[in-house]
Amino acid sequence: MENIRHSVFETNSSSTHSISISSESNGIYETIEPVDGVITLIGGEFGWAWDQYNSAMVKANYAAIYAMSNGLTEMLTDILKEHTGAKEVVLSFSNDYDSDHYSYIDHQSHDCCGAAFLSKESLKDFIFNPKSWLFTGNDNEEAHPNFYDVDSDKNYCFELKMNDVDDSIKFSEKPSAEKLHEAISYLGNKHPKCNLDYSERYTVCDPNSWDLHDIHGVKINSFERYANGITEITLFRLESTYAPNTTGVSGKKIKASITVKFSLNEI
């Protein structure tokens, strides 16, 4: 399995597409049925939405948009013909913005598909292997922690729930403190009290972290109360403070805080 991530660490708002290419097919490949010997690809719009795709047709359209902009359509059509028996492949879309059939991959993630074109075998595996996936999203918000868990054989043993949040996060093993803190922060920002922009997120503050102290040197601590098997935890929204006449961070200022209840249970 090969995973390729793009635009994950952009500081400006951007898309975060990624692909996984599996060569482990167990002999099972999907196909695209030609109509009268013809496969017609209509492109599409692949932007910021959080989506998962392993449909051969969707992955072929994604690859076609990339191929059209990079002079690789011949390689793509060869693979499609060889695998499906099609006599012709028609690209019924345009990369011209003014066209009625305009299709695009968001510019921040446009190179994501390049790894699929490293060889004919990798392109075939990307498009037709059902274990190969295309993920789209953006860095304006976090992906659900289970978003990339597409393995049908994955077994979950623990589930994190939070009061008043209509969502949960599952784990294949008991989560480490770091993973649990990340998951609590994710669900906390789905809480009705936290309807904020991505730039104003709440987070779990671990008192063992070296840099989480306020301007008076007091540690900022999320872990305070435990009751009846349900943990109460405080999430903080912080901003950095600076010493006068310097550019150095002198501590954190607590802009807001909320206390939420969560539970981690075996399933």
C-alpha atoms as a PDB file:
ATOM      1  CA  MET A   1       0.000   0.000   0.000  1.00  0.00           C
ATOM      2  CA  GLU A   2       1.351   3.394  -1.000  1.00  0.00           C
ATOM      3  CA  ASN A   3      -0.114   6.572   0.496  1.00  0.00           C
ATOM      4  CA  ILE A   4       0.414   9.954  -1.097  1.00  0.00           C
ATOM      5  CA  ARG A   5      -0.666  13.113   0.748  1.00  0.00           C
ATOM      6  CA  HIS A   6      -0.620  16.617  -0.659  1.00  0.00           C
ATOM      7  CA  SER A   7      -1.258  20.073   0.813  1.00  0.00           C
ATOM      8  CA  VAL A   8      -1.628  18.688   4.322  1.00  0.00           C
ATOM      9  CA  PHE A   9       0.662  21.261   5.928  1.00  0.00           C
ATOM     10  CA  GLU A  10      -0.296  24.401   4.016  1.00  0.00           C
ATOM     11  CA  THR A  11      -0.525  27.460   6.257  1.00  0.00           C
ATOM     12  CA  ASN A  12      -3.016  29.210   3.978  1.00  0.00           C
ATOM     13  CA  SER A  13      -6.428  27.704   3.363  1.00  0.00           C
ATOM     14  CA  SER A  14      -6.127  24.947   0.780  1.00  0.00           C
ATOM     15  CA  SER A  15      -7.440  21.607  -0.319  1.00  0.00           C
ATOM     16  CA  THR A  16      -5.901  18.443   1.095  1.00  0.00           C
ATOM     17  CA  HIS A  17      -6.331  15.648  -1.414  1.00  0.00           C
ATOM     18  CA  SER A  18      -4.554  12.335  -1.038  1.00  0.00           C
ATOM     19  CA  ILE A  19      -4.518   8.966  -2.757  1.00  0.00           C
ATOM     20  CA  SER A  20      -3.643   5.475  -1.626  1.00  0.00           C
ATOM     21  CA  ILE A  21      -2.511   2.962  -4.220  1.00  0.00           C
ATOM     22  CA  SER A  22      -2.741  -0.697  -3.304  1.00  0.00           C
ATOM     23  CA  SER A  23      -1.078  -3.460  -5.306  1.00  0.00           C
ATOM     24  CA  GLU A  24      -2.780  -6.081  -3.145  1.00  0.00           C
ATOM     25  CA  SER A  25      -5.861  -7.038  -5.127  1.00  0.00           C
ATOM     26  CA  ASN A  26      -6.221 -10.771  -4.475  1.00  0.00           C
ATOM     27  CA  GLY A  27      -7.013 -10.911  -8.169  1.00  0.00           C
ATOM     28  CA  ILE A  28     -10.128  -8.758  -7.730  1.00  0.00           C
ATOM     29  CA  TYR A  29     -10.262  -5.681  -9.917  1.00  0.00           C
ATOM     30  CA  GLU A  30     -13.212  -3.501 -10.850  1.00  0.00           C
ATOM     31  CA  THR A  31     -13.910  -2.474 -14.400  1.00  0.00           C
ATOM     32  CA  ILE A  32     -15.746   0.177 -16.370  1.00  0.00           C
ATOM     33  CA  GLU A  33     -18.235  -1.145 -18.897  1.00  0.00           C
ATOM     34  CA  PRO A  34     -17.869   0.479 -22.333  1.00  0.00           C
ATOM     35  CA  VAL A  35     -21.067   1.562 -24.100  1.00  0.00           C
ATOM     36  CA  ASP A  36     -20.910   0.444 -27.715  1.00  0.00           C
ATOM     37  CA  GLY A  37     -17.164   0.074 -27.250  1.00  0.00           C
ATOM     38  CA  VAL A  38     -16.718   3.596 -25.864  1.00  0.00           C
ATOM     39  CA  ILE A  39     -15.817   4.830 -22.371  1.00  0.00           C
ATOM     40  CA  THR A  40     -16.849   8.444 -21.833  1.00  0.00           C
ATOM     41  CA  LEU A  41     -15.236  10.390 -19.011  1.00  0.00           C
ATOM     42  CA  ILE A  42     -17.058  13.536 -17.914  1.00  0.00           C
ATOM     43  CA  GLY A  43     -14.500  14.895 -15.419  1.00  0.00           C
ATOM     44  CA  GLY A  44     -15.955  16.567 -12.352  1.00  0.00           C
ATOM     45  CA  GLU A  45     -15.169  19.132  -9.683  1.00  0.00           C
ATOM     46  CA  PHE A  46     -12.786  18.002  -6.948  1.00  0.00           C
ATOM     47  CA  GLY A  47     -12.396  20.804  -4.465  1.00  0.00           C
ATOM     48  CA  TRP A  48     -12.580  21.181  -0.679  1.00  0.00           C
ATOM     49  CA  ALA A  49     -15.357  18.736   0.211  1.00  0.00           C
ATOM     50  CA  TRP A  50     -14.487  15.831   2.502  1.00  0.00           C
ATOM     51  CA  ASP A  51     -15.128  12.733   0.379  1.00  0.00           C
ATOM     52  CA  GLN A  52     -13.798   9.203  -0.054  1.00  0.00           C
ATOM     53  CA  TYR A  53     -13.844   7.470  -3.438  1.00  0.00           C
ATOM     54  CA  ASN A  54     -12.874   3.992  -4.568  1.00  0.00           C
ATOM     55  CA  SER A  55     -15.220   3.811  -7.568  1.00  0.00           C
ATOM     56  CA  ALA A  56     -13.238   3.029 -10.724  1.00  0.00           C
ATOM     57  CA  MET A  57     -15.241   5.579 -12.710  1.00  0.00           C
ATOM     58  CA  VAL A  58     -14.658   8.410 -10.236  1.00  0.00           C
ATOM     59  CA  LYS A  59     -10.926   7.648  -9.970  1.00  0.00           C
ATOM     60  CA  ALA A  60     -10.680   7.453 -13.771  1.00  0.00           C
ATOM     61  CA  ASN A  61     -12.309  10.887 -14.072  1.00  0.00           C
ATOM     62  CA  TYR A  62      -9.957  12.340 -11.461  1.00  0.00           C
ATOM     63  CA  ALA A  63      -6.974  10.846 -13.303  1.00  0.00           C
ATOM     64  CA  ALA A  64      -8.309  12.185 -16.612  1.00  0.00           C
ATOM     65  CA  ILE A  65      -8.447  15.771 -15.323  1.00  0.00           C
ATOM     66  CA  TYR A  66      -4.833  15.469 -14.197  1.00  0.00           C
ATOM     67  CA  ALA A  67      -3.810  13.770 -17.452  1.00  0.00           C
ATOM     68  CA  MET A  68      -5.400  16.451 -19.636  1.00  0.00           C
ATOM     69  CA  SER A  69      -3.328  19.175 -17.942  1.00  0.00           C
ATOM     70  CA  ASN A  70      -0.082  17.209 -18.018  1.00  0.00           C
ATOM     71  CA  GLY A  71       0.036  15.601 -21.457  1.00  0.00           C
ATOM     72  CA  LEU A  72      -0.681  12.099 -20.132  1.00  0.00           C
ATOM     73  CA  THR A  73      -3.986  11.286 -21.817  1.00  0.00           C
ATOM     74  CA  GLU A  74      -2.406   8.650 -24.073  1.00  0.00           C
ATOM     75  CA  MET A  75      -1.120   6.698 -21.067  1.00  0.00           C
ATOM     76  CA  LEU A  76      -4.545   6.891 -19.432  1.00  0.00           C
ATOM     77  CA  THR A  77      -6.475   5.805 -22.509  1.00  0.00           C
ATOM     78  CA  ASP A  78      -4.071   2.904 -23.079  1.00  0.00           C
ATOM     79  CA  ILE A  79      -4.713   1.581 -19.559  1.00  0.00           C
ATOM     80  CA  LEU A  80      -8.471   1.989 -19.881  1.00  0.00           C
ATOM     81  CA  LYS A  81      -8.560   0.177 -23.226  1.00  0.00           C
ATOM     82  CA  GLU A  82      -6.283  -2.633 -22.076  1.00  0.00           C
ATOM     83  CA  HIS A  83      -8.245  -3.292 -18.898  1.00  0.00           C
ATOM     84  CA  THR A  84     -11.816  -2.841 -20.157  1.00  0.00           C
ATOM     85  CA  GLY A  85     -11.597  -3.874 -23.806  1.00  0.00           C
ATOM     86  CA  ALA A  86     -12.913  -0.473 -24.895  1.00  0.00           C
ATOM     87  CA  LYS A  87     -12.202   0.583 -28.463  1.00  0.00           C
ATOM     88  CA  GLU A  88     -12.283   4.297 -27.698  1.00  0.00           C
ATOM     89  CA  VAL A  89     -11.991   6.628 -24.698  1.00  0.00           C
ATOM     90  CA  VAL A  90     -13.650  10.039 -24.944  1.00  0.00           C
ATOM     91  CA  LEU A  91     -12.771  12.898 -22.605  1.00  0.00           C
ATOM     92  CA  SER A  92     -16.032  14.834 -22.584  1.00  0.00           C
ATOM     93  CA  PHE A  93     -14.920  17.790 -20.447  1.00  0.00           C
ATOM     94  CA  SER A  94     -12.592  20.762 -20.596  1.00  0.00           C
ATOM     95  CA  ASN A  95      -9.999  22.444 -18.408  1.00  0.00           C
ATOM     96  CA  ASP A  96     -11.106  25.797 -19.839  1.00  0.00           C
ATOM     97  CA  TYR A  97     -12.880  27.757 -17.091  1.00  0.00           C
ATOM     98  CA  ASP A  98     -15.293  29.319 -19.602  1.00  0.00           C
ATOM     99  CA  SER A  99     -16.407  25.955 -20.978  1.00  0.00           C
ATOM    100  CA  ASP A 100     -19.823  24.490 -20.127  1.00  0.00           C
ATOM    101  CA  HIS A 101     -18.000  21.225 -19.347  1.00  0.00           C
ATOM    102  CA  TYR A 102     -15.280  22.729 -17.160  1.00  0.00           C
ATOM    103  CA  SER A 103     -13.690  20.246 -14.752  1.00  0.00           C
ATOM    104  CA  TYR A 104     -10.972  20.780 -12.184  1.00  0.00           C
ATOM    105  CA  ILE A 105      -8.888  19.507  -9.318  1.00  0.00           C
ATOM    106  CA  ASP A 106      -8.266  22.269  -6.785  1.00  0.00           C
ATOM    107  CA  HIS A 107      -4.921  23.858  -7.640  1.00  0.00           C
ATOM    108  CA  GLN A 108      -3.409  23.158  -4.207  1.00  0.00           C
ATOM    109  CA  SER A 109      -3.903  19.408  -4.740  1.00  0.00           C
ATOM    110  CA  HIS A 110      -3.498  19.162  -8.491  1.00  0.00           C
ATOM    111  CA  ASP A 111      -0.231  17.226  -8.283  1.00  0.00           C
ATOM    112  CA  CYS A 112      -1.692  14.625  -5.929  1.00  0.00           C
ATOM    113  CA  CYS A 113      -2.510  12.267  -8.801  1.00  0.00           C
ATOM    114  CA  GLY A 114       1.011  12.368 -10.220  1.00  0.00           C
ATOM    115  CA  ALA A 115       2.076   9.282  -8.251  1.00  0.00           C
ATOM    116  CA  ALA A 116      -0.570   7.217 -10.034  1.00  0.00           C
ATOM    117  CA  PHE A 117       1.122   7.983 -13.372  1.00  0.00           C
ATOM    118  CA  LEU A 118       4.579   6.736 -12.367  1.00  0.00           C
ATOM    119  CA  SER A 119       3.888   3.521 -14.272  1.00  0.00           C
ATOM    120  CA  LYS A 120       1.090   1.771 -16.117  1.00  0.00           C
ATOM    121  CA  GLU A 121       0.849  -0.708 -13.259  1.00  0.00           C
ATOM    122  CA  SER A 122       0.404   2.005 -10.627  1.00  0.00           C
ATOM    123  CA  LEU A 123      -2.230   3.738 -12.764  1.00  0.00           C
ATOM    124  CA  LYS A 124      -4.125   0.483 -13.232  1.00  0.00           C
ATOM    125  CA  ASP A 125      -3.953  -0.199  -9.479  1.00  0.00           C
ATOM    126  CA  PHE A 126      -5.168   3.304  -8.622  1.00  0.00           C
ATOM    127  CA  ILE A 127      -8.178   3.199 -10.913  1.00  0.00           C
ATOM    128  CA  PHE A 128      -9.315  -0.418 -10.810  1.00  0.00           C
ATOM    129  CA  ASN A 129      -8.160  -1.829  -7.484  1.00  0.00           C
ATOM    130  CA  PRO A 130     -11.039  -1.363  -4.988  1.00  0.00           C
ATOM    131  CA  LYS A 131      -8.440  -1.154  -2.202  1.00  0.00           C
ATOM    132  CA  SER A 132      -7.049   2.040  -3.738  1.00  0.00           C
ATOM    133  CA  TRP A 133      -8.685   5.255  -2.600  1.00  0.00           C
ATOM    134  CA  LEU A 134      -8.995   8.931  -3.430  1.00  0.00           C
ATOM    135  CA  PHE A 135      -9.589  11.288  -0.495  1.00  0.00           C
ATOM    136  CA  THR A 136     -10.527  14.952  -0.864  1.00  0.00           C
ATOM    137  CA  GLY A 137     -10.756  17.600   1.840  1.00  0.00           C
ATOM    138  CA  ASN A 138      -9.273  20.862   3.053  1.00  0.00           C
ATOM    139  CA  ASP A 139      -7.154  22.321   5.840  1.00  0.00           C
ATOM    140  CA  ASN A 140      -9.827  24.795   6.936  1.00  0.00           C
ATOM    141  CA  GLU A 141     -11.189  22.058   9.173  1.00  0.00           C
ATOM    142  CA  GLU A 142     -10.031  18.730  10.528  1.00  0.00           C
ATOM    143  CA  ALA A 143     -10.902  15.395   8.997  1.00  0.00           C
ATOM    144  CA  HIS A 144     -12.820  13.064  11.244  1.00  0.00           C
ATOM    145  CA  PRO A 145     -10.199  10.843  12.956  1.00  0.00           C
ATOM    146  CA  ASN A 146     -11.795   7.787  11.336  1.00  0.00           C
ATOM    147  CA  PHE A 147     -11.959   9.413   7.889  1.00  0.00           C
ATOM    148  CA  TYR A 148      -9.067   7.395   6.471  1.00  0.00           C
ATOM    149  CA  ASP A 149     -10.153   4.105   8.083  1.00  0.00           C
ATOM    150  CA  VAL A 150     -11.408   2.526   4.868  1.00  0.00           C
ATOM    151  CA  ASP A 151     -10.125  -1.004   5.485  1.00  0.00           C
ATOM    152  CA  SER A 152     -13.246  -3.204   5.614  1.00  0.00           C
ATOM    153  CA  ASP A 153     -11.418  -5.631   7.927  1.00  0.00           C
ATOM    154  CA  LYS A 154     -10.688  -2.976  10.551  1.00  0.00           C
ATOM    155  CA  ASN A 155     -11.960  -3.919  14.004  1.00  0.00           C
ATOM    156  CA  TYR A 156     -12.804  -1.261  16.575  1.00  0.00           C
ATOM    157  CA  CYS A 157     -12.481  -1.972  20.291  1.00  0.00           C
ATOM    158  CA  PHE A 158     -13.089   1.438  21.923  1.00  0.00           C
ATOM    159  CA  GLU A 159     -15.452   4.326  21.245  1.00  0.00           C
ATOM    160  CA  LEU A 160     -15.230   7.914  22.446  1.00  0.00           C
ATOM    161  CA  LYS A 161     -18.498   9.764  22.966  1.00  0.00           C
ATOM    162  CA  MET A 162     -19.220  13.280  24.170  1.00  0.00           C
ATOM    163  CA  ASN A 163     -22.434  14.586  25.693  1.00  0.00           C
ATOM    164  CA  ASP A 164     -24.495  16.776  23.329  1.00  0.00           C
ATOM    165  CA  VAL A 165     -22.348  15.823  20.295  1.00  0.00           C
ATOM    166  CA  ASP A 166     -23.983  13.686  17.625  1.00  0.00           C
ATOM    167  CA  ASP A 167     -20.770  11.972  16.619  1.00  0.00           C
ATOM    168  CA  SER A 168     -18.227   9.548  18.036  1.00  0.00           C
ATOM    169  CA  ILE A 169     -14.683   8.345  17.368  1.00  0.00           C
ATOM    170  CA  LYS A 170     -13.633   4.708  17.303  1.00  0.00           C
ATOM    171  CA  PHE A 171     -10.262   3.113  17.992  1.00  0.00           C
ATOM    172  CA  SER A 172      -8.847  -0.294  17.091  1.00  0.00           C
ATOM    173  CA  GLU A 173      -6.992  -0.336  20.422  1.00  0.00           C
ATOM    174  CA  LYS A 174      -7.033   1.653  23.616  1.00  0.00           C
ATOM    175  CA  PRO A 175      -5.855   5.099  22.508  1.00  0.00           C
ATOM    176  CA  SER A 176      -2.673   6.670  23.775  1.00  0.00           C
ATOM    177  CA  ALA A 177      -3.015   9.867  25.777  1.00  0.00           C
ATOM    178  CA  GLU A 178      -2.000  11.897  22.719  1.00  0.00           C
ATOM    179  CA  LYS A 179      -4.591  10.274  20.450  1.00  0.00           C
ATOM    180  CA  LEU A 180      -7.262  10.592  23.108  1.00  0.00           C
ATOM    181  CA  HIS A 181      -6.503  14.292  23.594  1.00  0.00           C
ATOM    182  CA  GLU A 182      -6.704  14.886  19.842  1.00  0.00           C
ATOM    183  CA  ALA A 183     -10.016  13.036  19.638  1.00  0.00           C
ATOM    184  CA  ILE A 184     -11.487  14.952  22.589  1.00  0.00           C
ATOM    185  CA  SER A 185     -10.441  18.241  20.967  1.00  0.00           C
ATOM    186  CA  TYR A 186     -12.073  17.160  17.699  1.00  0.00           C
ATOM    187  CA  LEU A 187     -15.395  16.270  19.323  1.00  0.00           C
ATOM    188  CA  GLY A 188     -15.219  19.315  21.594  1.00  0.00           C
ATOM    189  CA  ASN A 189     -15.182  21.576  18.560  1.00  0.00           C
ATOM    190  CA  LYS A 190     -18.360  19.855  17.358  1.00  0.00           C
ATOM    191  CA  HIS A 191     -20.066  20.760  20.643  1.00  0.00           C
ATOM    192  CA  PRO A 192     -22.973  23.246  20.382  1.00  0.00           C
ATOM    193  CA  LYS A 193     -20.978  25.709  22.513  1.00  0.00           C
ATOM    194  CA  CYS A 194     -18.107  25.723  20.003  1.00  0.00           C
ATOM    195  CA  ASN A 195     -19.569  26.863  16.711  1.00  0.00           C
ATOM    196  CA  LEU A 196     -16.389  28.691  15.713  1.00  0.00           C
ATOM    197  CA  ASP A 197     -14.132  29.240  12.746  1.00  0.00           C
ATOM    198  CA  TYR A 198     -11.158  26.897  12.347  1.00  0.00           C
ATOM    199  CA  SER A 199      -8.793  29.662  13.468  1.00  0.00           C
ATOM    200  CA  GLU A 200     -10.500  29.787  16.880  1.00  0.00           C
ATOM    201  CA  ARG A 201     -10.417  26.182  17.926  1.00  0.00           C
ATOM    202  CA  TYR A 202     -10.574  24.783  21.436  1.00  0.00           C
ATOM    203  CA  THR A 203      -7.973  22.257  22.509  1.00  0.00           C
ATOM    204  CA  VAL A 204      -7.053  19.919  25.341  1.00  0.00           C
ATOM    205  CA  CYS A 205      -4.239  21.434  27.416  1.00  0.00           C
ATOM    206  CA  ASP A 206      -1.958  18.879  28.989  1.00  0.00           C
ATOM    207  CA  PRO A 207      -0.160  20.269  32.057  1.00  0.00           C
ATOM    208  CA  ASN A 208       2.894  18.167  31.135  1.00  0.00           C
ATOM    209  CA  SER A 209       3.398  20.189  27.962  1.00  0.00           C
ATOM    210  CA  TRP A 210       6.391  22.511  28.384  1.00  0.00           C
ATOM    211  CA  ASP A 211       4.863  25.541  26.657  1.00  0.00           C
ATOM    212  CA  LEU A 212       1.312  25.576  28.015  1.00  0.00           C
ATOM    213  CA  HIS A 213       1.559  28.201  30.728  1.00  0.00           C
ATOM    214  CA  ASP A 214      -0.086  31.574  31.007  1.00  0.00           C
ATOM    215  CA  ILE A 215       1.703  34.916  31.285  1.00  0.00           C
ATOM    216  CA  HIS A 216       2.063  34.385  35.043  1.00  0.00           C
ATOM    217  CA  GLY A 217       3.790  31.031  34.548  1.00  0.00           C
ATOM    218  CA  VAL A 218       0.800  28.996  35.748  1.00  0.00           C
ATOM    219  CA  LYS A 219       0.250  25.737  33.880  1.00  0.00           C
ATOM    220  CA  ILE A 220      -2.957  25.527  31.866  1.00  0.00           C
ATOM    221  CA  ASN A 221      -4.595  22.240  32.833  1.00  0.00           C
ATOM    222  CA  SER A 222      -7.555  20.569  31.143  1.00  0.00           C
ATOM    223  CA  PHE A 223      -7.738  17.600  33.516  1.00  0.00           C
ATOM    224  CA  GLU A 224      -9.687  18.506  36.599  1.00  0.00           C
ATOM    225  CA  ARG A 225     -12.838  16.497  37.321  1.00  0.00           C
ATOM    226  CA  TYR A 226     -13.898  12.861  37.120  1.00  0.00           C
ATOM    227  CA  ALA A 227     -17.342  11.593  38.156  1.00  0.00           C
ATOM    228  CA  ASN A 228     -19.537   8.529  37.675  1.00  0.00           C
ATOM    229  CA  GLY A 229     -17.421   7.014  34.933  1.00  0.00           C
ATOM    230  CA  ILE A 230     -17.929  10.104  32.749  1.00  0.00           C
ATOM    231  CA  THR A 231     -14.961  12.419  32.535  1.00  0.00           C
ATOM    232  CA  GLU A 232     -15.377  16.163  32.605  1.00  0.00           C
ATOM    233  CA  ILE A 233     -12.646  18.039  30.820  1.00  0.00           C
ATOM    234  CA  THR A 234     -12.011  21.699  30.128  1.00  0.00           C
ATOM    235  CA  LEU A 235     -11.038  22.777  26.620  1.00  0.00           C
ATOM    236  CA  PHE A 236      -9.335  26.114  26.121  1.00  0.00           C
ATOM    237  CA  ARG A 237      -9.171  28.610  23.288  1.00  0.00           C
ATOM    238  CA  LEU A 238      -5.735  30.258  23.544  1.00  0.00           C
ATOM    239  CA  GLU A 239      -3.725  33.013  21.961  1.00  0.00           C
ATOM    240  CA  SER A 240      -0.039  33.753  22.339  1.00  0.00           C
ATOM    241  CA  THR A 241       1.142  36.741  24.363  1.00  0.00           C
ATOM    242  CA  TYR A 242       4.408  38.574  23.813  1.00  0.00           C
ATOM    243  CA  ALA A 243       6.813  40.268  26.154  1.00  0.00           C
ATOM    244  CA  PRO A 244       7.064  44.057  25.652  1.00  0.00           C
ATOM    245  CA  ASN A 245       9.538  45.148  22.935  1.00  0.00           C
ATOM    246  CA  THR A 246      10.275  41.560  21.908  1.00  0.00           C
ATOM    247  CA  THR A 247       9.018  39.035  19.416  1.00  0.00           C
ATOM    248  CA  GLY A 248       9.275  36.157  21.885  1.00  0.00           C
ATOM    249  CA  VAL A 249       6.181  34.433  23.204  1.00  0.00           C
ATOM    250  CA  SER A 250       5.896  35.005  26.952  1.00  0.00           C
ATOM    251  CA  GLY A 251       2.928  32.699  27.496  1.00  0.00           C
ATOM    252  CA  LYS A 252      -0.647  31.997  26.525  1.00  0.00           C
ATOM    253  CA  LYS A 253      -3.765  34.003  27.105  1.00  0.00           C
ATOM    254  CA  ILE A 254      -7.002  32.104  27.692  1.00  0.00           C
ATOM    255  CA  LYS A 255      -9.612  33.669  25.409  1.00  0.00           C
ATOM    256  CA  ALA A 256     -12.386  31.232  26.343  1.00  0.00           C
ATOM    257  CA  SER A 257     -12.993  27.820  27.859  1.00  0.00           C
ATOM    258  CA  ILE A 258     -15.727  25.205  27.996  1.00  0.00           C
ATOM    259  CA  THR A 259     -16.168  22.102  30.110  1.00  0.00           C
ATOM    260  CA  VAL A 260     -17.543  19.016  28.366  1.00  0.00           C
ATOM    261  CA  LYS A 261     -18.349  15.464  29.463  1.00  0.00           C
ATOM    262  CA  PHE A 262     -17.035  12.467  27.573  1.00  0.00           C
ATOM    263  CA  SER A 263     -16.744   8.704  27.970  1.00  0.00           C
ATOM    264  CA  LEU A 264     -14.410   6.111  26.500  1.00  0.00           C
ATOM    265  CA  ASN A 265     -16.016   2.674  26.394  1.00  0.00           C
ATOM    266  CA  GLU A 266     -15.100  -0.766  25.142  1.00  0.00           C
ATOM    267  CA  ILE A 267     -17.254  -1.999  22.272  1.00  0.00           C
END
